Amino acid sequence: MEYAFIRYSSSPIIRYSFFGMKEAFGFAPSWHLWLRYSTFLVLYPTGISSEVGLIYFALPYIKASEKYCFRMPNKWNFSFDYFYAAILALGIYVPGSPHLYRYMLGQRKRALSKSKKE
């Protein structure tokens, strides 16, 4: 539990302190730039795998409890099943994660190569 808190709180702290230093002083130290564009290398895989794992292990409970499900008929004439929404999230998460990771690798390459030119 503590590890998840550190993982999810460290990324915004690094990102916003980087942007804050750039806004306040007009620059950020090179180590901060490197940290800003390198922490995702560890944080993304651990975060994504833990989120996918938690959704997967919660599926039997979600199905059995029918929590957050809206069945028809109702006054909105709308139906929603949280179990299938969680499966849809997994279906998007799993193939979307490599795309997101490759995008961040490109952003990292661009940002770090730009800093070497300056």
N, C-alpha and C. Protein backbone atom coordinates (compact mmCIF):
# COMPACT_ATOMS: atom_id res chain seq x y z
N MET A 1 0.82 -1.20 0.00
CA MET A 1 0.00 0.00 0.00
C MET A 1 0.87 1.26 0.00
N GLU A 2 1.90 1.27 0.82
CA GLU A 2 2.78 2.44 0.87
C GLU A 2 3.49 2.64 -0.46
N TYR A 3 3.86 1.53 -1.10
CA TYR A 3 4.55 1.62 -2.38
C TYR A 3 3.65 2.26 -3.43
N ALA A 4 2.37 1.91 -3.43
CA ALA A 4 1.43 2.49 -4.39
C ALA A 4 1.30 3.99 -4.15
N PHE A 5 1.25 4.40 -2.90
CA PHE A 5 1.16 5.82 -2.59
C PHE A 5 2.40 6.56 -3.09
N ILE A 6 3.56 6.00 -2.85
CA ILE A 6 4.81 6.63 -3.30
C ILE A 6 4.84 6.68 -4.82
N ARG A 7 4.43 5.60 -5.47
CA ARG A 7 4.44 5.54 -6.93
C ARG A 7 3.52 6.59 -7.53
N TYR A 8 2.31 6.72 -7.00
CA TYR A 8 1.34 7.64 -7.59
C TYR A 8 1.59 9.09 -7.18
N SER A 9 2.26 9.32 -6.08
CA SER A 9 2.51 10.70 -5.67
C SER A 9 3.84 11.24 -6.19
N SER A 10 4.80 10.37 -6.48
CA SER A 10 6.11 10.85 -6.92
C SER A 10 6.06 11.47 -8.31
N SER A 11 5.28 10.92 -9.19
CA SER A 11 5.21 11.44 -10.55
C SER A 11 4.72 12.88 -10.61
N PRO A 12 3.59 13.24 -9.98
CA PRO A 12 3.17 14.64 -10.01
C PRO A 12 4.13 15.57 -9.28
N ILE A 13 4.75 15.10 -8.22
CA ILE A 13 5.71 15.95 -7.50
C ILE A 13 6.87 16.31 -8.41
N ILE A 14 7.40 15.33 -9.11
CA ILE A 14 8.52 15.59 -10.03
C ILE A 14 8.06 16.48 -11.18
N ARG A 15 6.91 16.16 -11.77
CA ARG A 15 6.43 16.91 -12.93
C ARG A 15 6.16 18.36 -12.58
N TYR A 16 5.39 18.60 -11.52
CA TYR A 16 4.99 19.97 -11.21
C TYR A 16 6.11 20.79 -10.59
N SER A 17 7.04 20.16 -9.89
CA SER A 17 8.19 20.92 -9.42
C SER A 17 9.08 21.32 -10.59
N PHE A 18 9.15 20.46 -11.61
CA PHE A 18 9.90 20.79 -12.83
C PHE A 18 9.27 21.99 -13.52
N PHE A 19 7.95 21.94 -13.73
CA PHE A 19 7.27 23.06 -14.38
C PHE A 19 7.34 24.32 -13.53
N GLY A 20 7.23 24.18 -12.22
CA GLY A 20 7.32 25.33 -11.32
C GLY A 20 8.67 26.01 -11.39
N MET A 21 9.73 25.23 -11.42
CA MET A 21 11.07 25.81 -11.52
C MET A 21 11.27 26.51 -12.86
N LYS A 22 10.74 25.90 -13.93
CA LYS A 22 10.86 26.54 -15.25
C LYS A 22 10.09 27.86 -15.29
N GLU A 23 8.92 27.91 -14.67
CA GLU A 23 8.13 29.14 -14.65
C GLU A 23 8.76 30.19 -13.74
N ALA A 24 9.21 29.78 -12.58
CA ALA A 24 9.74 30.73 -11.60
C ALA A 24 11.13 31.25 -11.97
N PHE A 25 12.00 30.36 -12.43
CA PHE A 25 13.39 30.73 -12.66
C PHE A 25 13.79 30.74 -14.14
N GLY A 26 12.91 30.24 -15.00
CA GLY A 26 13.22 30.21 -16.43
C GLY A 26 14.02 29.00 -16.85
N PHE A 27 14.39 28.14 -15.92
CA PHE A 27 15.14 26.93 -16.24
C PHE A 27 14.92 25.91 -15.13
N ALA A 28 15.30 24.69 -15.42
CA ALA A 28 15.31 23.62 -14.42
C ALA A 28 16.64 22.91 -14.56
N PRO A 29 17.22 22.42 -13.47
CA PRO A 29 18.50 21.72 -13.55
C PRO A 29 18.40 20.50 -14.47
N SER A 30 19.50 20.13 -15.07
CA SER A 30 19.50 19.01 -16.01
C SER A 30 19.09 17.70 -15.32
N TRP A 31 19.47 17.53 -14.06
CA TRP A 31 19.08 16.31 -13.35
C TRP A 31 17.57 16.24 -13.18
N HIS A 32 16.94 17.41 -13.03
CA HIS A 32 15.49 17.45 -12.87
C HIS A 32 14.80 17.14 -14.20
N LEU A 33 15.36 17.61 -15.30
CA LEU A 33 14.85 17.28 -16.62
C LEU A 33 14.96 15.77 -16.85
N TRP A 34 16.10 15.20 -16.52
CA TRP A 34 16.28 13.77 -16.68
C TRP A 34 15.28 13.00 -15.82
N LEU A 35 15.10 13.43 -14.58
CA LEU A 35 14.16 12.77 -13.68
C LEU A 35 12.73 12.88 -14.20
N ARG A 36 12.39 14.05 -14.71
CA ARG A 36 11.04 14.29 -15.25
C ARG A 36 10.73 13.33 -16.39
N TYR A 37 11.69 13.05 -17.24
CA TYR A 37 11.45 12.22 -18.41
C TYR A 37 11.97 10.79 -18.27
N SER A 38 12.39 10.37 -17.09
CA SER A 38 12.90 9.01 -16.92
C SER A 38 12.17 8.20 -15.87
N THR A 39 11.47 8.83 -14.94
CA THR A 39 10.81 8.06 -13.88
C THR A 39 9.71 7.16 -14.42
N PHE A 40 9.11 7.55 -15.55
CA PHE A 40 8.06 6.72 -16.12
C PHE A 40 8.57 5.34 -16.53
N LEU A 41 9.88 5.22 -16.80
CA LEU A 41 10.44 3.93 -17.22
C LEU A 41 10.15 2.84 -16.19
N VAL A 42 10.11 3.22 -14.93
CA VAL A 42 9.81 2.27 -13.86
C VAL A 42 8.36 2.40 -13.41
N LEU A 43 7.87 3.65 -13.31
CA LEU A 43 6.54 3.86 -12.75
C LEU A 43 5.41 3.38 -13.66
N TYR A 44 5.52 3.52 -14.96
CA TYR A 44 4.45 3.08 -15.86
C TYR A 44 4.25 1.57 -15.80
N PRO A 45 5.29 0.77 -16.00
CA PRO A 45 5.03 -0.68 -15.96
C PRO A 45 4.50 -1.17 -14.61
N THR A 46 5.03 -0.64 -13.51
CA THR A 46 4.53 -1.10 -12.22
C THR A 46 3.11 -0.61 -11.97
N GLY A 47 2.83 0.61 -12.35
CA GLY A 47 1.48 1.15 -12.16
C GLY A 47 0.45 0.46 -13.03
N ILE A 48 0.78 0.29 -14.29
CA ILE A 48 -0.15 -0.35 -15.22
C ILE A 48 -0.40 -1.80 -14.82
N SER A 49 0.65 -2.52 -14.50
CA SER A 49 0.45 -3.93 -14.12
C SER A 49 -0.34 -4.06 -12.83
N SER A 50 -0.12 -3.17 -11.87
CA SER A 50 -0.90 -3.27 -10.63
C SER A 50 -2.35 -2.89 -10.87
N GLU A 51 -2.62 -1.88 -11.72
CA GLU A 51 -4.01 -1.50 -12.00
C GLU A 51 -4.74 -2.61 -12.76
N VAL A 52 -4.09 -3.18 -13.75
CA VAL A 52 -4.70 -4.27 -14.50
C VAL A 52 -4.94 -5.47 -13.58
N GLY A 53 -3.97 -5.78 -12.74
CA GLY A 53 -4.14 -6.89 -11.80
C GLY A 53 -5.28 -6.66 -10.82
N LEU A 54 -5.39 -5.45 -10.31
CA LEU A 54 -6.47 -5.15 -9.36
C LEU A 54 -7.84 -5.24 -10.03
N ILE A 55 -7.94 -4.73 -11.25
CA ILE A 55 -9.22 -4.85 -11.97
C ILE A 55 -9.55 -6.32 -12.21
N TYR A 56 -8.56 -7.08 -12.65
CA TYR A 56 -8.78 -8.49 -12.93
C TYR A 56 -9.23 -9.26 -11.69
N PHE A 57 -8.55 -9.03 -10.57
CA PHE A 57 -8.92 -9.75 -9.35
C PHE A 57 -10.22 -9.26 -8.74
N ALA A 58 -10.66 -8.05 -9.10
CA ALA A 58 -11.92 -7.53 -8.59
C ALA A 58 -13.12 -7.98 -9.42
N LEU A 59 -12.88 -8.52 -10.61
CA LEU A 59 -13.99 -8.90 -11.49
C LEU A 59 -15.00 -9.85 -10.84
N PRO A 60 -14.59 -10.91 -10.14
CA PRO A 60 -15.60 -11.78 -9.51
C PRO A 60 -16.45 -11.03 -8.47
N TYR A 61 -15.85 -10.16 -7.69
CA TYR A 61 -16.60 -9.38 -6.71
C TYR A 61 -17.56 -8.42 -7.41
N ILE A 62 -17.07 -7.76 -8.44
CA ILE A 62 -17.92 -6.81 -9.18
C ILE A 62 -19.14 -7.53 -9.75
N LYS A 63 -18.91 -8.70 -10.33
CA LYS A 63 -20.02 -9.47 -10.93
C LYS A 63 -21.01 -9.93 -9.87
N ALA A 64 -20.50 -10.43 -8.74
CA ALA A 64 -21.38 -10.95 -7.70
C ALA A 64 -22.16 -9.85 -6.98
N SER A 65 -21.52 -8.72 -6.74
CA SER A 65 -22.17 -7.67 -5.96
C SER A 65 -23.11 -6.81 -6.79
N GLU A 66 -22.88 -6.75 -8.10
CA GLU A 66 -23.64 -5.87 -9.00
C GLU A 66 -23.65 -4.42 -8.52
N LYS A 67 -22.57 -4.04 -7.87
CA LYS A 67 -22.42 -2.67 -7.42
C LYS A 67 -22.25 -1.74 -8.62
N TYR A 68 -22.82 -0.58 -8.54
CA TYR A 68 -22.74 0.45 -9.60
C TYR A 68 -23.39 0.00 -10.90
N CYS A 69 -24.33 -0.93 -10.82
CA CYS A 69 -25.05 -1.37 -12.01
C CYS A 69 -26.45 -0.75 -12.00
N PHE A 70 -26.89 -0.34 -13.15
CA PHE A 70 -28.23 0.19 -13.32
C PHE A 70 -28.97 -0.72 -14.29
N ARG A 71 -30.04 -1.30 -13.82
CA ARG A 71 -30.80 -2.23 -14.64
C ARG A 71 -32.05 -1.55 -15.20
N MET A 72 -32.47 -2.04 -16.34
CA MET A 72 -33.71 -1.56 -16.95
C MET A 72 -34.86 -2.35 -16.35
N PRO A 73 -36.01 -1.88 -16.28
CA PRO A 73 -36.46 -0.54 -16.64
C PRO A 73 -36.17 0.44 -15.50
N ASN A 74 -35.90 1.66 -15.87
CA ASN A 74 -35.75 2.75 -14.92
C ASN A 74 -36.22 4.04 -15.59
N LYS A 75 -36.27 5.13 -14.85
CA LYS A 75 -36.86 6.36 -15.42
C LYS A 75 -36.00 6.97 -16.52
N TRP A 76 -34.72 6.58 -16.60
CA TRP A 76 -33.86 7.12 -17.66
C TRP A 76 -33.81 6.21 -18.89
N ASN A 77 -34.40 5.03 -18.78
CA ASN A 77 -34.38 4.05 -19.85
C ASN A 77 -32.94 3.77 -20.29
N PHE A 78 -32.11 3.54 -19.29
CA PHE A 78 -30.67 3.37 -19.49
C PHE A 78 -30.19 2.21 -18.64
N SER A 79 -29.27 1.43 -19.19
CA SER A 79 -28.71 0.30 -18.46
C SER A 79 -27.20 0.40 -18.46
N PHE A 80 -26.59 0.07 -17.33
CA PHE A 80 -25.14 0.09 -17.21
C PHE A 80 -24.71 -1.07 -16.33
N ASP A 81 -23.72 -1.82 -16.78
CA ASP A 81 -23.18 -2.93 -16.01
C ASP A 81 -21.69 -2.69 -15.77
N TYR A 82 -21.35 -2.48 -14.51
CA TYR A 82 -19.97 -2.15 -14.13
C TYR A 82 -19.02 -3.29 -14.46
N PHE A 83 -19.48 -4.52 -14.40
CA PHE A 83 -18.64 -5.67 -14.73
C PHE A 83 -18.15 -5.58 -16.17
N TYR A 84 -19.06 -5.30 -17.09
CA TYR A 84 -18.66 -5.21 -18.50
C TYR A 84 -17.85 -3.94 -18.77
N ALA A 85 -18.10 -2.90 -18.02
CA ALA A 85 -17.28 -1.68 -18.14
C ALA A 85 -15.84 -1.96 -17.70
N ALA A 86 -15.68 -2.76 -16.64
CA ALA A 86 -14.34 -3.12 -16.18
C ALA A 86 -13.63 -4.00 -17.21
N ILE A 87 -14.36 -4.91 -17.84
CA ILE A 87 -13.78 -5.74 -18.90
C ILE A 87 -13.38 -4.86 -20.08
N LEU A 88 -14.22 -3.89 -20.42
CA LEU A 88 -13.90 -2.96 -21.49
C LEU A 88 -12.64 -2.16 -21.15
N ALA A 89 -12.54 -1.73 -19.89
CA ALA A 89 -11.35 -1.00 -19.45
C ALA A 89 -10.10 -1.86 -19.61
N LEU A 90 -10.19 -3.12 -19.24
CA LEU A 90 -9.06 -4.03 -19.45
C LEU A 90 -8.75 -4.19 -20.92
N GLY A 91 -9.79 -4.27 -21.74
CA GLY A 91 -9.60 -4.42 -23.17
C GLY A 91 -8.93 -3.22 -23.81
N ILE A 92 -9.11 -2.05 -23.22
CA ILE A 92 -8.45 -0.85 -23.72
C ILE A 92 -7.07 -0.70 -23.09
N TYR A 93 -6.99 -1.01 -21.82
CA TYR A 93 -5.74 -0.85 -21.06
C TYR A 93 -4.61 -1.70 -21.63
N VAL A 94 -4.89 -2.95 -21.85
CA VAL A 94 -3.83 -3.89 -22.25
C VAL A 94 -3.21 -3.51 -23.60
N PRO A 95 -3.99 -3.31 -24.67
CA PRO A 95 -3.34 -2.91 -25.92
C PRO A 95 -2.91 -1.45 -25.94
N GLY A 96 -3.54 -0.61 -25.12
CA GLY A 96 -3.19 0.82 -25.12
C GLY A 96 -1.92 1.14 -24.36
N SER A 97 -1.56 0.31 -23.42
CA SER A 97 -0.39 0.59 -22.59
C SER A 97 0.92 0.62 -23.37
N PRO A 98 1.18 -0.32 -24.26
CA PRO A 98 2.42 -0.22 -25.05
C PRO A 98 2.47 1.04 -25.92
N HIS A 99 1.31 1.43 -26.45
CA HIS A 99 1.25 2.66 -27.25
C HIS A 99 1.63 3.87 -26.39
N LEU A 100 1.07 3.95 -25.20
CA LEU A 100 1.37 5.04 -24.28
C LEU A 100 2.85 5.03 -23.89
N TYR A 101 3.39 3.86 -23.64
CA TYR A 101 4.79 3.74 -23.25
C TYR A 101 5.72 4.17 -24.39
N ARG A 102 5.40 3.75 -25.63
CA ARG A 102 6.20 4.18 -26.78
C ARG A 102 6.11 5.69 -26.99
N TYR A 103 4.94 6.25 -26.77
CA TYR A 103 4.78 7.70 -26.88
C TYR A 103 5.68 8.41 -25.87
N MET A 104 5.70 7.93 -24.64
CA MET A 104 6.54 8.54 -23.61
C MET A 104 8.03 8.36 -23.92
N LEU A 105 8.40 7.23 -24.50
CA LEU A 105 9.80 7.05 -24.92
C LEU A 105 10.19 8.09 -25.96
N GLY A 106 9.28 8.36 -26.90
CA GLY A 106 9.53 9.39 -27.90
C GLY A 106 9.64 10.77 -27.29
N GLN A 107 8.76 11.07 -26.33
CA GLN A 107 8.81 12.36 -25.63
C GLN A 107 10.13 12.49 -24.87
N ARG A 108 10.56 11.41 -24.25
CA ARG A 108 11.82 11.41 -23.49
C ARG A 108 12.99 11.67 -24.41
N LYS A 109 13.01 10.95 -25.54
CA LYS A 109 14.10 11.12 -26.50
C LYS A 109 14.15 12.55 -27.01
N ARG A 110 12.99 13.10 -27.35
CA ARG A 110 12.94 14.46 -27.86
C ARG A 110 13.39 15.48 -26.82
N ALA A 111 12.90 15.36 -25.59
CA ALA A 111 13.22 16.32 -24.53
C ALA A 111 14.70 16.24 -24.15
N LEU A 112 15.22 15.02 -24.01
CA LEU A 112 16.62 14.90 -23.59
C LEU A 112 17.59 15.25 -24.70
N SER A 113 17.22 14.99 -25.95
CA SER A 113 18.12 15.37 -27.05
C SER A 113 18.09 16.88 -27.25
N LYS A 114 16.94 17.51 -27.02
CA LYS A 114 16.84 18.97 -27.12
C LYS A 114 17.69 19.64 -26.06
N SER A 115 17.74 19.05 -24.86
CA SER A 115 18.52 19.65 -23.78
C SER A 115 20.02 19.55 -24.05
N LYS A 116 20.45 18.52 -24.77
CA LYS A 116 21.87 18.39 -25.11
C LYS A 116 22.30 19.43 -26.13
N LYS A 117 21.37 19.84 -27.00
CA LYS A 117 21.67 20.84 -28.02
C LYS A 117 21.83 22.23 -27.42
N GLU A 118 21.14 22.47 -26.30
CA GLU A 118 21.17 23.80 -25.68
C GLU A 118 22.42 24.04 -24.88
